[in-house]
């Protein structure tokens, strides 16, 4: 690995341009770009973070989108339906427990819930 700052200005500019080109045109990670050019990955990260905005012709690298199939969509909808049903049941359970505590407090005259505020 070479130290980026110790290189002559011309060579630093060449590396900077090459990093930006590879970043824009390929889906390589910082580490892969660094290995290819013989610099540290932190140098690649620094160059991309500070100089990518100066070149409007270079699009920002994005992750590849996965193709979704109708089976995936159906599975996700089924999961959403199942989760909504579970949520509804848990809400009913919480309401039933609150009602049970209210009845116990009035019937047996016992404080079950913690009182708010400081102890005196």
C-alpha atoms as a PDB file:
ATOM      1  CA  UNK A   1       0.000   0.000   0.000  1.00  0.00           C
ATOM      2  CA  UNK A   2       1.192   3.462  -0.830  1.00  0.00           C
ATOM      3  CA  UNK A   3       0.583   6.594   1.191  1.00  0.00           C
ATOM      4  CA  UNK A   4      -1.744   8.786  -0.829  1.00  0.00           C
ATOM      5  CA  UNK A   5      -0.559  12.104   0.625  1.00  0.00           C
ATOM      6  CA  UNK A   6       3.103  11.321  -0.054  1.00  0.00           C
ATOM      7  CA  UNK A   7       2.504  10.956  -3.793  1.00  0.00           C
ATOM      8  CA  UNK A   8       3.190  13.761  -6.253  1.00  0.00           C
ATOM      9  CA  UNK A   9       0.212  15.941  -7.102  1.00  0.00           C
ATOM     10  CA  UNK A  10      -0.084  14.565 -10.643  1.00  0.00           C
ATOM     11  CA  UNK A  11      -0.233  10.948  -9.405  1.00  0.00           C
ATOM     12  CA  UNK A  12      -2.781  11.844  -6.678  1.00  0.00           C
ATOM     13  CA  UNK A  13      -5.019  13.396  -9.332  1.00  0.00           C
ATOM     14  CA  UNK A  14      -4.714  10.274 -11.505  1.00  0.00           C
ATOM     15  CA  UNK A  15      -5.644   8.012  -8.591  1.00  0.00           C
ATOM     16  CA  UNK A  16      -8.521  10.311  -7.640  1.00  0.00           C
ATOM     17  CA  UNK A  17      -9.909  10.229 -11.185  1.00  0.00           C
ATOM     18  CA  UNK A  18      -9.521   6.461 -11.407  1.00  0.00           C
ATOM     19  CA  UNK A  19     -11.250   5.930  -8.042  1.00  0.00           C
ATOM     20  CA  UNK A  20     -14.187   8.077  -9.116  1.00  0.00           C
ATOM     21  CA  UNK A  21     -14.407   6.300 -12.468  1.00  0.00           C
ATOM     22  CA  UNK A  22     -14.368   2.840 -10.879  1.00  0.00           C
ATOM     23  CA  UNK A  23     -16.867   3.927  -8.232  1.00  0.00           C
ATOM     24  CA  UNK A  24     -19.288   5.240 -10.828  1.00  0.00           C
ATOM     25  CA  UNK A  25     -18.938   2.581 -13.498  1.00  0.00           C
ATOM     26  CA  UNK A  26     -18.664  -0.598 -11.432  1.00  0.00           C
ATOM     27  CA  UNK A  27     -20.326  -2.024  -8.360  1.00  0.00           C
ATOM     28  CA  UNK A  28     -17.006  -2.662  -6.594  1.00  0.00           C
ATOM     29  CA  UNK A  29     -16.712  -1.972  -2.880  1.00  0.00           C
ATOM     30  CA  UNK A  30     -14.212   0.497  -1.451  1.00  0.00           C
ATOM     31  CA  UNK A  31     -11.939  -2.399  -0.540  1.00  0.00           C
ATOM     32  CA  UNK A  32     -11.989  -3.847  -4.056  1.00  0.00           C
ATOM     33  CA  UNK A  33     -11.216  -0.458  -5.602  1.00  0.00           C
ATOM     34  CA  UNK A  34      -8.425   0.109  -3.081  1.00  0.00           C
ATOM     35  CA  UNK A  35      -6.902  -3.298  -3.772  1.00  0.00           C
ATOM     36  CA  UNK A  36      -7.015  -2.704  -7.511  1.00  0.00           C
ATOM     37  CA  UNK A  37      -5.276   0.681  -7.250  1.00  0.00           C
ATOM     38  CA  UNK A  38      -2.919  -0.213  -4.406  1.00  0.00           C
ATOM     39  CA  UNK A  39      -4.210   2.345  -1.888  1.00  0.00           C
ATOM     40  CA  UNK A  40      -5.992   2.008   1.435  1.00  0.00           C
ATOM     41  CA  UNK A  41      -9.777   1.688   1.498  1.00  0.00           C
ATOM     42  CA  UNK A  42      -9.951   4.768   3.721  1.00  0.00           C
ATOM     43  CA  UNK A  43      -8.339   6.735   0.894  1.00  0.00           C
ATOM     44  CA  UNK A  44     -11.026   5.500  -1.503  1.00  0.00           C
ATOM     45  CA  UNK A  45     -13.729   6.426   1.013  1.00  0.00           C
ATOM     46  CA  UNK A  46     -12.196   9.897   1.459  1.00  0.00           C
ATOM     47  CA  UNK A  47     -12.018  10.489  -2.289  1.00  0.00           C
ATOM     48  CA  UNK A  48     -15.598   9.367  -2.906  1.00  0.00           C
ATOM     49  CA  UNK A  49     -16.982  11.351   0.015  1.00  0.00           C
ATOM     50  CA  UNK A  50     -15.157  14.575  -0.852  1.00  0.00           C
ATOM     51  CA  UNK A  51     -14.862  14.579  -4.629  1.00  0.00           C
ATOM     52  CA  UNK A  52     -17.829  12.666  -6.069  1.00  0.00           C
ATOM     53  CA  UNK A  53     -20.076  15.712  -5.747  1.00  0.00           C
ATOM     54  CA  UNK A  54     -17.713  17.784  -7.883  1.00  0.00           C
ATOM     55  CA  UNK A  55     -18.322  15.586 -10.912  1.00  0.00           C
ATOM     56  CA  UNK A  56     -22.024  15.814 -11.821  1.00  0.00           C
ATOM     57  CA  UNK A  57     -21.608  13.360 -14.705  1.00  0.00           C
ATOM     58  CA  UNK A  58     -20.815  10.517 -12.283  1.00  0.00           C
ATOM     59  CA  UNK A  59     -23.949   8.932 -10.819  1.00  0.00           C
ATOM     60  CA  UNK A  60     -23.888   7.744  -7.243  1.00  0.00           C
ATOM     61  CA  UNK A  61     -23.396   3.988  -6.965  1.00  0.00           C
ATOM     62  CA  UNK A  62     -26.540   2.227  -5.781  1.00  0.00           C
ATOM     63  CA  UNK A  63     -27.167  -1.293  -4.641  1.00  0.00           C
ATOM     64  CA  UNK A  64     -28.682  -3.619  -7.171  1.00  0.00           C
ATOM     65  CA  UNK A  65     -32.418  -4.046  -6.854  1.00  0.00           C
ATOM     66  CA  UNK A  66     -33.666  -7.551  -6.456  1.00  0.00           C
ATOM     67  CA  UNK A  67     -36.347  -8.694  -8.825  1.00  0.00           C
ATOM     68  CA  UNK A  68     -39.566  -9.348  -6.967  1.00  0.00           C
ATOM     69  CA  UNK A  69     -41.872 -12.076  -8.124  1.00  0.00           C
ATOM     70  CA  UNK A  70     -45.566 -12.518  -7.531  1.00  0.00           C
ATOM     71  CA  UNK A  71     -44.697 -15.326  -5.100  1.00  0.00           C
ATOM     72  CA  UNK A  72     -42.598 -12.926  -3.019  1.00  0.00           C
ATOM     73  CA  UNK A  73     -45.378 -10.357  -3.001  1.00  0.00           C
ATOM     74  CA  UNK A  74     -47.933 -12.991  -2.000  1.00  0.00           C
ATOM     75  CA  UNK A  75     -45.677 -14.244   0.796  1.00  0.00           C
ATOM     76  CA  UNK A  76     -45.151 -10.711   2.099  1.00  0.00           C
ATOM     77  CA  UNK A  77     -48.892  -9.988   2.018  1.00  0.00           C
ATOM     78  CA  UNK A  78     -49.571 -13.224   3.919  1.00  0.00           C
ATOM     79  CA  UNK A  79     -47.001 -12.234   6.530  1.00  0.00           C
ATOM     80  CA  UNK A  80     -48.547  -8.768   6.897  1.00  0.00           C
ATOM     81  CA  UNK A  81     -51.980 -10.354   7.368  1.00  0.00           C
ATOM     82  CA  UNK A  82     -50.596 -12.768   9.979  1.00  0.00           C
ATOM     83  CA  UNK A  83     -48.831  -9.956  11.856  1.00  0.00           C
ATOM     84  CA  UNK A  84     -51.965  -7.789  11.858  1.00  0.00           C
ATOM     85  CA  UNK A  85     -53.951 -10.697  13.287  1.00  0.00           C
ATOM     86  CA  UNK A  86     -51.312 -11.225  16.009  1.00  0.00           C
ATOM     87  CA  UNK A  87     -51.373  -7.515  16.827  1.00  0.00           C
ATOM     88  CA  UNK A  88     -55.150  -7.511  17.131  1.00  0.00           C
ATOM     89  CA  UNK A  89     -55.025 -10.526  19.464  1.00  0.00           C
ATOM     90  CA  UNK A  90     -52.328  -8.923  21.635  1.00  0.00           C
ATOM     91  CA  UNK A  91     -54.338  -5.706  21.905  1.00  0.00           C
ATOM     92  CA  UNK A  92     -57.392  -7.726  23.013  1.00  0.00           C
ATOM     93  CA  UNK A  93     -55.213  -9.610  25.521  1.00  0.00           C
ATOM     94  CA  UNK A  94     -53.854  -6.353  26.973  1.00  0.00           C
ATOM     95  CA  UNK A  95     -57.382  -4.962  27.272  1.00  0.00           C
ATOM     96  CA  UNK A  96     -58.563  -8.168  28.981  1.00  0.00           C
ATOM     97  CA  UNK A  97     -55.706  -7.975  31.486  1.00  0.00           C
ATOM     98  CA  UNK A  98     -56.478  -4.317  32.241  1.00  0.00           C
ATOM     99  CA  UNK A  99     -60.136  -5.209  32.796  1.00  0.00           C
ATOM    100  CA  UNK A 100     -59.151  -8.095  35.065  1.00  0.00           C
ATOM    101  CA  UNK A 101     -56.937  -5.804  37.144  1.00  0.00           C
ATOM    102  CA  UNK A 102     -59.727  -3.204  37.400  1.00  0.00           C
ATOM    103  CA  UNK A 103     -62.168  -5.855  38.631  1.00  0.00           C
ATOM    104  CA  UNK A 104     -59.638  -7.218  41.148  1.00  0.00           C
ATOM    105  CA  UNK A 105     -58.968  -3.739  42.522  1.00  0.00           C
ATOM    106  CA  UNK A 106     -62.663  -2.947  42.992  1.00  0.00           C
ATOM    107  CA  UNK A 107     -63.701  -6.393  44.260  1.00  0.00           C
ATOM    108  CA  UNK A 108     -60.869  -7.119  46.692  1.00  0.00           C
ATOM    109  CA  UNK A 109     -59.920  -3.520  47.406  1.00  0.00           C
ATOM    110  CA  UNK A 110     -56.251  -4.256  46.599  1.00  0.00           C
ATOM    111  CA  UNK A 111     -53.968  -1.838  44.758  1.00  0.00           C
ATOM    112  CA  UNK A 112     -52.377  -3.867  41.943  1.00  0.00           C
ATOM    113  CA  UNK A 113     -51.069  -1.051  39.761  1.00  0.00           C
ATOM    114  CA  UNK A 114     -48.093   0.944  40.892  1.00  0.00           C
ATOM    115  CA  UNK A 115     -48.927   4.448  42.033  1.00  0.00           C
ATOM    116  CA  UNK A 116     -47.195   7.183  40.106  1.00  0.00           C
ATOM    117  CA  UNK A 117     -45.254   9.872  41.867  1.00  0.00           C
ATOM    118  CA  UNK A 118     -42.636   9.948  44.578  1.00  0.00           C
ATOM    119  CA  UNK A 119     -42.907   7.897  47.773  1.00  0.00           C
ATOM    120  CA  UNK A 120     -43.937   9.826  50.855  1.00  0.00           C
END
